[in-house]
Amino acid sequence: MYAVRRWSVRHARFLESLYDLFEGFMNALHPLWLKIGYDRVEKPITFVERKVKGFMFDCQMCGQCALSNTGMSCPMNCPKQLQNGPCGGVQANGNCEVIADMPCVWIEAEAGSRLMRNGLGIAEIRRPVDYSRRGKSSWLRAVRDKRDQQFYARD
């Protein structure tokens, strides 16, 4: 699993393109999600999301996915669960101070984000983790958030 997680960071631009296609697909299904009910589709979508993102990114299902902003490196894989960059204990070789043979999640995130379309690295400050969303689908939340933004933009 760890090898796949590292592959995902090295291929961040390709995965970013796939993500964009998938996001469009999920947004196109918004009318269906409304008919069925978001609460009803939450469980099966979360099951699929957990399997796919668990395999590809070692996702911890925090419900607040940041992969598209962190070079396809999940910040929840940081042993300290830091949300805005590496701690002061990163070793000289770029490895984690807690798990000495693991590269720092944030060093990988920065490298992966530089491979993505804008290639600027990580510039966005993340809010603390809202643990009430843990185990819920961030895919469905992203669709709802986008629809809410469009709705309120009309006002």
N, C-alpha and C. Protein backbone atom coordinates (compact mmCIF):
# COMPACT_ATOMS: atom_id res chain seq x y z
N MET A 1 0.83 -1.20 0.00
CA MET A 1 0.00 0.00 0.00
C MET A 1 0.87 1.25 0.00
N TYR A 2 1.95 1.23 0.77
CA TYR A 2 2.82 2.39 0.84
C TYR A 2 3.42 2.72 -0.52
N ALA A 3 3.77 1.67 -1.29
CA ALA A 3 4.33 1.89 -2.63
C ALA A 3 3.32 2.58 -3.54
N VAL A 4 2.07 2.23 -3.43
CA VAL A 4 1.02 2.86 -4.25
C VAL A 4 0.86 4.32 -3.83
N ARG A 5 0.91 4.58 -2.54
CA ARG A 5 0.81 5.96 -2.04
C ARG A 5 1.94 6.82 -2.61
N ARG A 6 3.14 6.30 -2.63
CA ARG A 6 4.29 7.05 -3.19
C ARG A 6 4.13 7.22 -4.70
N TRP A 7 3.60 6.20 -5.38
CA TRP A 7 3.36 6.30 -6.83
C TRP A 7 2.36 7.43 -7.10
N SER A 8 1.34 7.51 -6.28
CA SER A 8 0.30 8.54 -6.47
C SER A 8 0.89 9.94 -6.40
N VAL A 9 1.83 10.16 -5.50
CA VAL A 9 2.46 11.48 -5.39
C VAL A 9 3.31 11.76 -6.62
N ARG A 10 4.04 10.75 -7.07
CA ARG A 10 4.91 10.94 -8.25
C ARG A 10 4.10 11.17 -9.53
N HIS A 11 2.84 10.76 -9.54
CA HIS A 11 1.98 10.91 -10.71
C HIS A 11 0.81 11.86 -10.42
N ALA A 12 1.09 12.87 -9.62
CA ALA A 12 0.05 13.79 -9.15
C ALA A 12 -0.66 14.50 -10.31
N ARG A 13 0.05 14.88 -11.33
CA ARG A 13 -0.59 15.60 -12.44
C ARG A 13 -1.58 14.71 -13.18
N PHE A 14 -1.20 13.48 -13.44
CA PHE A 14 -2.10 12.52 -14.09
C PHE A 14 -3.34 12.29 -13.22
N LEU A 15 -3.14 12.10 -11.94
CA LEU A 15 -4.27 11.86 -11.03
C LEU A 15 -5.14 13.11 -10.88
N GLU A 16 -4.52 14.28 -10.98
CA GLU A 16 -5.29 15.52 -10.96
C GLU A 16 -6.24 15.57 -12.15
N SER A 17 -5.79 15.16 -13.32
CA SER A 17 -6.64 15.12 -14.51
C SER A 17 -7.79 14.13 -14.33
N LEU A 18 -7.48 12.96 -13.78
CA LEU A 18 -8.54 11.98 -13.50
C LEU A 18 -9.55 12.53 -12.49
N TYR A 19 -9.04 13.20 -11.48
CA TYR A 19 -9.90 13.80 -10.47
C TYR A 19 -10.85 14.82 -11.09
N ASP A 20 -10.35 15.64 -11.99
CA ASP A 20 -11.19 16.63 -12.66
C ASP A 20 -12.32 15.97 -13.44
N LEU A 21 -12.01 14.88 -14.14
CA LEU A 21 -13.04 14.13 -14.87
C LEU A 21 -14.07 13.54 -13.91
N PHE A 22 -13.57 12.95 -12.84
CA PHE A 22 -14.45 12.33 -11.85
C PHE A 22 -15.33 13.36 -11.17
N GLU A 23 -14.76 14.52 -10.86
CA GLU A 23 -15.53 15.59 -10.23
C GLU A 23 -16.68 16.03 -11.13
N GLY A 24 -16.41 16.16 -12.43
CA GLY A 24 -17.46 16.52 -13.37
C GLY A 24 -18.56 15.47 -13.41
N PHE A 25 -18.17 14.20 -13.37
CA PHE A 25 -19.12 13.09 -13.35
C PHE A 25 -19.99 13.14 -12.10
N MET A 26 -19.36 13.33 -10.94
CA MET A 26 -20.11 13.39 -9.68
C MET A 26 -21.06 14.59 -9.66
N ASN A 27 -20.61 15.73 -10.18
CA ASN A 27 -21.46 16.91 -10.22
C ASN A 27 -22.63 16.72 -11.18
N ALA A 28 -22.40 16.00 -12.27
CA ALA A 28 -23.48 15.73 -13.22
C ALA A 28 -24.55 14.84 -12.59
N LEU A 29 -24.16 14.05 -11.61
CA LEU A 29 -25.12 13.15 -10.94
C LEU A 29 -25.88 13.83 -9.80
N HIS A 30 -25.62 15.10 -9.58
CA HIS A 30 -26.29 15.83 -8.50
C HIS A 30 -27.82 15.69 -8.54
N PRO A 31 -28.48 15.82 -9.72
CA PRO A 31 -29.94 15.64 -9.72
C PRO A 31 -30.36 14.24 -9.25
N LEU A 32 -29.57 13.23 -9.61
CA LEU A 32 -29.86 11.87 -9.15
C LEU A 32 -29.69 11.76 -7.64
N TRP A 33 -28.58 12.34 -7.12
CA TRP A 33 -28.37 12.30 -5.67
C TRP A 33 -29.52 12.99 -4.94
N LEU A 34 -30.03 14.09 -5.52
CA LEU A 34 -31.17 14.77 -4.89
C LEU A 34 -32.41 13.91 -4.88
N LYS A 35 -32.68 13.22 -6.02
CA LYS A 35 -33.87 12.35 -6.09
C LYS A 35 -33.78 11.20 -5.10
N ILE A 36 -32.63 10.54 -5.07
CA ILE A 36 -32.46 9.41 -4.16
C ILE A 36 -32.35 9.90 -2.72
N GLY A 37 -31.68 11.01 -2.56
CA GLY A 37 -31.43 11.57 -1.23
C GLY A 37 -29.97 11.37 -0.86
N TYR A 38 -29.31 12.46 -0.54
CA TYR A 38 -27.88 12.38 -0.18
C TYR A 38 -27.65 11.44 1.01
N ASP A 39 -28.56 11.44 1.96
CA ASP A 39 -28.39 10.57 3.12
C ASP A 39 -28.43 9.09 2.74
N ARG A 40 -29.24 8.76 1.74
CA ARG A 40 -29.34 7.37 1.30
C ARG A 40 -28.11 6.90 0.52
N VAL A 41 -27.50 7.79 -0.26
CA VAL A 41 -26.34 7.38 -1.06
C VAL A 41 -25.03 7.51 -0.29
N GLU A 42 -25.08 8.13 0.86
CA GLU A 42 -23.85 8.33 1.65
C GLU A 42 -23.13 7.02 1.94
N LYS A 43 -23.84 6.01 2.39
CA LYS A 43 -23.19 4.75 2.79
C LYS A 43 -22.54 4.03 1.60
N PRO A 44 -23.25 3.81 0.48
CA PRO A 44 -22.58 3.11 -0.63
C PRO A 44 -21.45 3.93 -1.27
N ILE A 45 -21.62 5.24 -1.38
CA ILE A 45 -20.56 6.08 -1.94
C ILE A 45 -19.35 6.07 -1.02
N THR A 46 -19.58 6.15 0.27
CA THR A 46 -18.48 6.12 1.23
C THR A 46 -17.73 4.80 1.17
N PHE A 47 -18.46 3.69 0.98
CA PHE A 47 -17.82 2.38 0.85
C PHE A 47 -16.85 2.36 -0.33
N VAL A 48 -17.32 2.84 -1.49
CA VAL A 48 -16.49 2.88 -2.69
C VAL A 48 -15.31 3.83 -2.49
N GLU A 49 -15.60 5.01 -1.94
CA GLU A 49 -14.55 6.01 -1.71
C GLU A 49 -13.47 5.45 -0.79
N ARG A 50 -13.87 4.76 0.27
CA ARG A 50 -12.91 4.19 1.22
C ARG A 50 -11.99 3.18 0.53
N LYS A 51 -12.56 2.35 -0.33
CA LYS A 51 -11.77 1.33 -1.03
C LYS A 51 -10.80 1.97 -2.02
N VAL A 52 -11.30 2.88 -2.86
CA VAL A 52 -10.47 3.50 -3.90
C VAL A 52 -9.38 4.36 -3.27
N LYS A 53 -9.77 5.29 -2.41
CA LYS A 53 -8.80 6.21 -1.84
C LYS A 53 -7.91 5.53 -0.81
N GLY A 54 -8.40 4.50 -0.16
CA GLY A 54 -7.57 3.74 0.77
C GLY A 54 -6.43 3.07 0.03
N PHE A 55 -6.74 2.47 -1.11
CA PHE A 55 -5.71 1.80 -1.91
C PHE A 55 -4.73 2.79 -2.53
N MET A 56 -5.26 3.83 -3.15
CA MET A 56 -4.41 4.77 -3.89
C MET A 56 -3.59 5.71 -3.00
N PHE A 57 -4.19 6.17 -1.91
CA PHE A 57 -3.57 7.26 -1.13
C PHE A 57 -3.40 6.93 0.35
N ASP A 58 -3.77 5.70 0.75
CA ASP A 58 -3.77 5.32 2.17
C ASP A 58 -4.65 6.30 2.94
N CYS A 59 -5.80 6.60 2.35
CA CYS A 59 -6.75 7.58 2.89
C CYS A 59 -7.26 7.16 4.26
N GLN A 60 -7.38 8.14 5.15
CA GLN A 60 -7.87 7.90 6.51
C GLN A 60 -9.35 8.29 6.67
N MET A 61 -10.01 8.67 5.56
CA MET A 61 -11.44 9.02 5.54
C MET A 61 -11.79 10.08 6.58
N CYS A 62 -11.08 11.20 6.50
CA CYS A 62 -11.36 12.31 7.43
C CYS A 62 -12.61 13.08 7.02
N GLY A 63 -13.08 12.88 5.78
CA GLY A 63 -14.26 13.58 5.29
C GLY A 63 -13.98 14.98 4.79
N GLN A 64 -12.70 15.36 4.76
CA GLN A 64 -12.30 16.70 4.32
C GLN A 64 -11.09 16.57 3.40
N CYS A 65 -11.24 15.85 2.33
CA CYS A 65 -10.13 15.49 1.46
C CYS A 65 -9.37 16.72 0.97
N ALA A 66 -8.04 16.62 1.06
CA ALA A 66 -7.16 17.70 0.62
C ALA A 66 -6.22 17.24 -0.47
N LEU A 67 -6.43 16.06 -1.02
CA LEU A 67 -5.49 15.49 -1.98
C LEU A 67 -5.22 16.42 -3.16
N SER A 68 -6.24 17.09 -3.64
CA SER A 68 -6.05 17.96 -4.80
C SER A 68 -5.24 19.21 -4.45
N ASN A 69 -5.07 19.49 -3.17
CA ASN A 69 -4.27 20.64 -2.74
C ASN A 69 -2.92 20.25 -2.17
N THR A 70 -2.74 18.97 -1.92
CA THR A 70 -1.50 18.51 -1.28
C THR A 70 -0.75 17.50 -2.13
N GLY A 71 -0.78 17.68 -3.43
CA GLY A 71 0.01 16.84 -4.32
C GLY A 71 -0.30 15.36 -4.23
N MET A 72 -1.55 15.03 -3.95
CA MET A 72 -2.02 13.66 -3.82
C MET A 72 -1.37 12.92 -2.64
N SER A 73 -0.92 13.68 -1.66
CA SER A 73 -0.37 13.11 -0.43
C SER A 73 -1.33 13.46 0.70
N CYS A 74 -1.89 12.45 1.33
CA CYS A 74 -2.89 12.69 2.39
C CYS A 74 -2.22 13.18 3.67
N PRO A 75 -2.54 14.39 4.13
CA PRO A 75 -1.93 14.90 5.35
C PRO A 75 -2.30 14.09 6.59
N MET A 76 -3.37 13.33 6.52
CA MET A 76 -3.76 12.51 7.67
C MET A 76 -2.80 11.33 7.88
N ASN A 77 -1.90 11.09 6.93
CA ASN A 77 -0.89 10.05 7.11
C ASN A 77 0.29 10.52 7.94
N CYS A 78 0.33 11.80 8.25
CA CYS A 78 1.36 12.32 9.14
C CYS A 78 1.09 11.74 10.53
N PRO A 79 2.10 11.11 11.15
CA PRO A 79 1.87 10.54 12.49
C PRO A 79 1.38 11.56 13.50
N LYS A 80 1.73 12.82 13.29
CA LYS A 80 1.28 13.89 14.19
C LYS A 80 -0.01 14.54 13.70
N GLN A 81 -0.49 14.10 12.53
CA GLN A 81 -1.69 14.64 11.87
C GLN A 81 -1.62 16.15 11.70
N LEU A 82 -0.45 16.64 11.32
CA LEU A 82 -0.28 18.06 11.06
C LEU A 82 -0.98 18.42 9.77
N GLN A 83 -1.64 19.56 9.74
CA GLN A 83 -2.46 19.96 8.61
C GLN A 83 -1.85 21.05 7.73
N ASN A 84 -0.77 21.66 8.16
CA ASN A 84 -0.24 22.80 7.40
C ASN A 84 1.27 22.78 7.24
N GLY A 85 1.82 21.63 7.00
CA GLY A 85 3.24 21.54 6.72
C GLY A 85 3.97 20.70 7.73
N PRO A 86 5.24 20.47 7.45
CA PRO A 86 6.02 19.58 8.30
C PRO A 86 6.34 20.19 9.65
N CYS A 87 6.60 19.32 10.59
CA CYS A 87 7.01 19.76 11.92
C CYS A 87 8.50 20.12 11.89
N GLY A 88 9.01 20.55 12.97
CA GLY A 88 10.42 20.91 13.04
C GLY A 88 11.34 19.70 13.17
N GLY A 89 10.77 18.51 13.20
CA GLY A 89 11.58 17.33 13.42
C GLY A 89 11.90 16.53 12.17
N VAL A 90 11.66 17.09 10.99
CA VAL A 90 11.99 16.37 9.76
C VAL A 90 13.50 16.16 9.73
N GLN A 91 13.89 14.91 9.47
CA GLN A 91 15.32 14.58 9.43
C GLN A 91 15.98 15.19 8.20
N ALA A 92 17.29 15.25 8.20
CA ALA A 92 18.06 15.84 7.09
C ALA A 92 17.78 15.13 5.76
N ASN A 93 17.44 13.85 5.81
CA ASN A 93 17.15 13.10 4.59
C ASN A 93 15.70 13.23 4.15
N GLY A 94 14.91 14.04 4.86
CA GLY A 94 13.50 14.27 4.51
C GLY A 94 12.54 13.27 5.13
N ASN A 95 13.04 12.41 5.98
CA ASN A 95 12.18 11.42 6.63
C ASN A 95 11.55 11.97 7.90
N CYS A 96 10.50 11.30 8.31
CA CYS A 96 9.72 11.66 9.50
C CYS A 96 10.53 11.37 10.77
N GLU A 97 10.35 12.20 11.78
CA GLU A 97 11.04 11.96 13.05
C GLU A 97 10.35 10.86 13.86
N VAL A 98 9.06 10.64 13.63
CA VAL A 98 8.33 9.64 14.39
C VAL A 98 8.53 8.24 13.79
N ILE A 99 8.43 8.14 12.46
CA ILE A 99 8.65 6.88 11.75
C ILE A 99 9.86 7.11 10.86
N ALA A 100 11.02 6.76 11.36
CA ALA A 100 12.29 7.15 10.76
C ALA A 100 12.50 6.69 9.32
N ASP A 101 11.87 5.57 8.92
CA ASP A 101 12.09 5.09 7.55
C ASP A 101 11.01 5.56 6.58
N MET A 102 10.12 6.45 7.03
CA MET A 102 9.05 6.98 6.18
C MET A 102 9.36 8.42 5.78
N PRO A 103 9.33 8.72 4.47
CA PRO A 103 9.49 10.13 4.07
C PRO A 103 8.37 10.98 4.67
N CYS A 104 8.70 12.20 5.04
CA CYS A 104 7.71 13.11 5.60
C CYS A 104 6.56 13.31 4.61
N VAL A 105 5.35 13.15 5.08
CA VAL A 105 4.16 13.33 4.25
C VAL A 105 4.16 14.71 3.60
N TRP A 106 4.58 15.72 4.35
CA TRP A 106 4.54 17.09 3.85
C TRP A 106 5.64 17.39 2.84
N ILE A 107 6.78 16.72 2.96
CA ILE A 107 7.83 16.87 1.95
C ILE A 107 7.32 16.27 0.64
N GLU A 108 6.66 15.11 0.73
CA GLU A 108 6.07 14.49 -0.45
C GLU A 108 4.94 15.35 -1.02
N ALA A 109 4.13 15.93 -0.15
CA ALA A 109 3.02 16.77 -0.60
C ALA A 109 3.53 17.97 -1.40
N GLU A 110 4.57 18.58 -0.92
CA GLU A 110 5.14 19.73 -1.63
C GLU A 110 5.67 19.30 -2.99
N ALA A 111 6.37 18.18 -3.04
CA ALA A 111 6.91 17.67 -4.32
C ALA A 111 5.78 17.34 -5.28
N GLY A 112 4.74 16.66 -4.79
CA GLY A 112 3.60 16.30 -5.64
C GLY A 112 2.85 17.52 -6.13
N SER A 113 2.68 18.52 -5.27
CA SER A 113 1.93 19.72 -5.67
C SER A 113 2.68 20.51 -6.74
N ARG A 114 3.99 20.42 -6.76
CA ARG A 114 4.78 21.09 -7.79
C ARG A 114 4.64 20.39 -9.15
N LEU A 115 4.19 19.14 -9.15
CA LEU A 115 3.96 18.42 -10.40
C LEU A 115 2.59 18.71 -11.00
N MET A 116 1.71 19.28 -10.20
CA MET A 116 0.35 19.53 -10.64
C MET A 116 0.30 20.74 -11.57
N ARG A 117 -0.87 20.98 -12.16
CA ARG A 117 -1.02 22.00 -13.21
C ARG A 117 -0.43 23.35 -12.85
N ASN A 118 -0.79 23.89 -11.71
CA ASN A 118 -0.28 25.22 -11.39
C ASN A 118 1.17 25.18 -10.92
N GLY A 119 1.61 24.04 -10.42
CA GLY A 119 3.01 23.83 -10.07
C GLY A 119 3.60 24.80 -9.07
N LEU A 120 2.76 25.43 -8.27
CA LEU A 120 3.25 26.46 -7.35
C LEU A 120 3.58 25.93 -5.96
N GLY A 121 3.25 24.69 -5.71
CA GLY A 121 3.45 24.17 -4.37
C GLY A 121 2.23 24.43 -3.51
N ILE A 122 2.36 24.18 -2.25
CA ILE A 122 1.23 24.32 -1.32
C ILE A 122 1.21 25.74 -0.78
N ALA A 123 0.09 26.42 -0.99
CA ALA A 123 -0.01 27.80 -0.52
C ALA A 123 -1.24 28.01 0.36
N GLU A 124 -2.16 27.07 0.36
CA GLU A 124 -3.41 27.23 1.09
C GLU A 124 -3.28 26.74 2.53
N ILE A 125 -3.71 27.56 3.46
CA ILE A 125 -3.73 27.16 4.87
C ILE A 125 -4.99 26.33 5.11
N ARG A 126 -4.81 25.17 5.72
CA ARG A 126 -5.94 24.28 5.99
C ARG A 126 -6.46 24.52 7.40
N ARG A 127 -7.76 24.38 7.52
CA ARG A 127 -8.39 24.49 8.84
C ARG A 127 -8.13 23.21 9.62
N PRO A 128 -8.28 23.28 10.94
CA PRO A 128 -8.14 22.05 11.74
C PRO A 128 -9.17 21.01 11.30
N VAL A 129 -8.86 19.78 11.54
CA VAL A 129 -9.74 18.68 11.14
C VAL A 129 -11.03 18.74 11.96
N ASP A 130 -12.15 18.64 11.26
CA ASP A 130 -13.46 18.56 11.90
C ASP A 130 -13.78 17.07 12.04
N TYR A 131 -13.55 16.52 13.21
CA TYR A 131 -13.70 15.08 13.40
C TYR A 131 -15.14 14.60 13.31
N SER A 132 -16.10 15.51 13.26
CA SER A 132 -17.50 15.10 13.09
C SER A 132 -17.74 14.57 11.67
N ARG A 133 -16.84 14.89 10.74
CA ARG A 133 -16.97 14.42 9.35
C ARG A 133 -16.23 13.11 9.11
N ARG A 134 -15.48 12.64 10.08
CA ARG A 134 -14.67 11.43 9.93
C ARG A 134 -15.55 10.26 9.50
N GLY A 135 -15.07 9.53 8.48
CA GLY A 135 -15.79 8.36 7.99
C GLY A 135 -16.88 8.66 6.99
N LYS A 136 -17.06 9.94 6.66
CA LYS A 136 -18.09 10.33 5.69
C LYS A 136 -17.46 10.64 4.35
N SER A 137 -18.27 10.63 3.32
CA SER A 137 -17.78 10.84 1.96
C SER A 137 -17.40 12.30 1.72
N SER A 138 -16.17 12.51 1.33
CA SER A 138 -15.77 13.87 0.94
C SER A 138 -16.19 14.13 -0.50
N TRP A 139 -16.42 13.06 -1.28
CA TRP A 139 -16.90 13.22 -2.66
C TRP A 139 -18.28 13.88 -2.66
N LEU A 140 -19.19 13.34 -1.86
CA LEU A 140 -20.55 13.92 -1.81
C LEU A 140 -20.52 15.32 -1.20
N ARG A 141 -19.69 15.52 -0.20
CA ARG A 141 -19.59 16.84 0.42
C ARG A 141 -19.11 17.86 -0.61
N ALA A 142 -18.17 17.48 -1.46
CA ALA A 142 -17.65 18.38 -2.48
C ALA A 142 -18.74 18.77 -3.48
N VAL A 143 -19.59 17.81 -3.86
CA VAL A 143 -20.70 18.10 -4.78
C VAL A 143 -21.67 19.07 -4.12
N ARG A 144 -22.03 18.79 -2.87
CA ARG A 144 -22.95 19.67 -2.14
C ARG A 144 -22.37 21.07 -1.98
N ASP A 145 -21.09 21.15 -1.62
CA ASP A 145 -20.46 22.45 -1.43
C ASP A 145 -20.45 23.25 -2.73
N LYS A 146 -20.14 22.57 -3.83
CA LYS A 146 -20.10 23.26 -5.12
C LYS A 146 -21.50 23.77 -5.49
N ARG A 147 -22.52 22.96 -5.27
CA ARG A 147 -23.89 23.38 -5.56
C ARG A 147 -24.32 24.52 -4.66
N ASP A 148 -23.92 24.47 -3.40
CA ASP A 148 -24.25 25.56 -2.48
C ASP A 148 -23.59 26.86 -2.93
N GLN A 149 -22.33 26.79 -3.35
CA GLN A 149 -21.62 27.98 -3.82
C GLN A 149 -22.31 28.57 -5.05
N GLN A 150 -22.76 27.70 -5.95
CA GLN A 150 -23.46 28.18 -7.15
C GLN A 150 -24.79 28.81 -6.78
N PHE A 151 -25.49 28.21 -5.82
CA PHE A 151 -26.79 28.74 -5.40
C PHE A 151 -26.64 30.12 -4.78
N TYR A 152 -25.67 30.24 -3.84
CA TYR A 152 -25.50 31.51 -3.15
C TYR A 152 -24.86 32.58 -4.02
N ALA A 153 -24.15 32.16 -5.07
CA ALA A 153 -23.55 33.13 -5.99
C ALA A 153 -24.63 33.84 -6.82
N ARG A 154 -25.79 33.20 -6.97
CA ARG A 154 -26.89 33.82 -7.73
C ARG A 154 -27.54 34.97 -6.98
N ASP A 155 -27.44 34.95 -5.66
CA ASP A 155 -28.09 36.01 -4.86
C ASP A 155 -27.42 37.34 -4.98
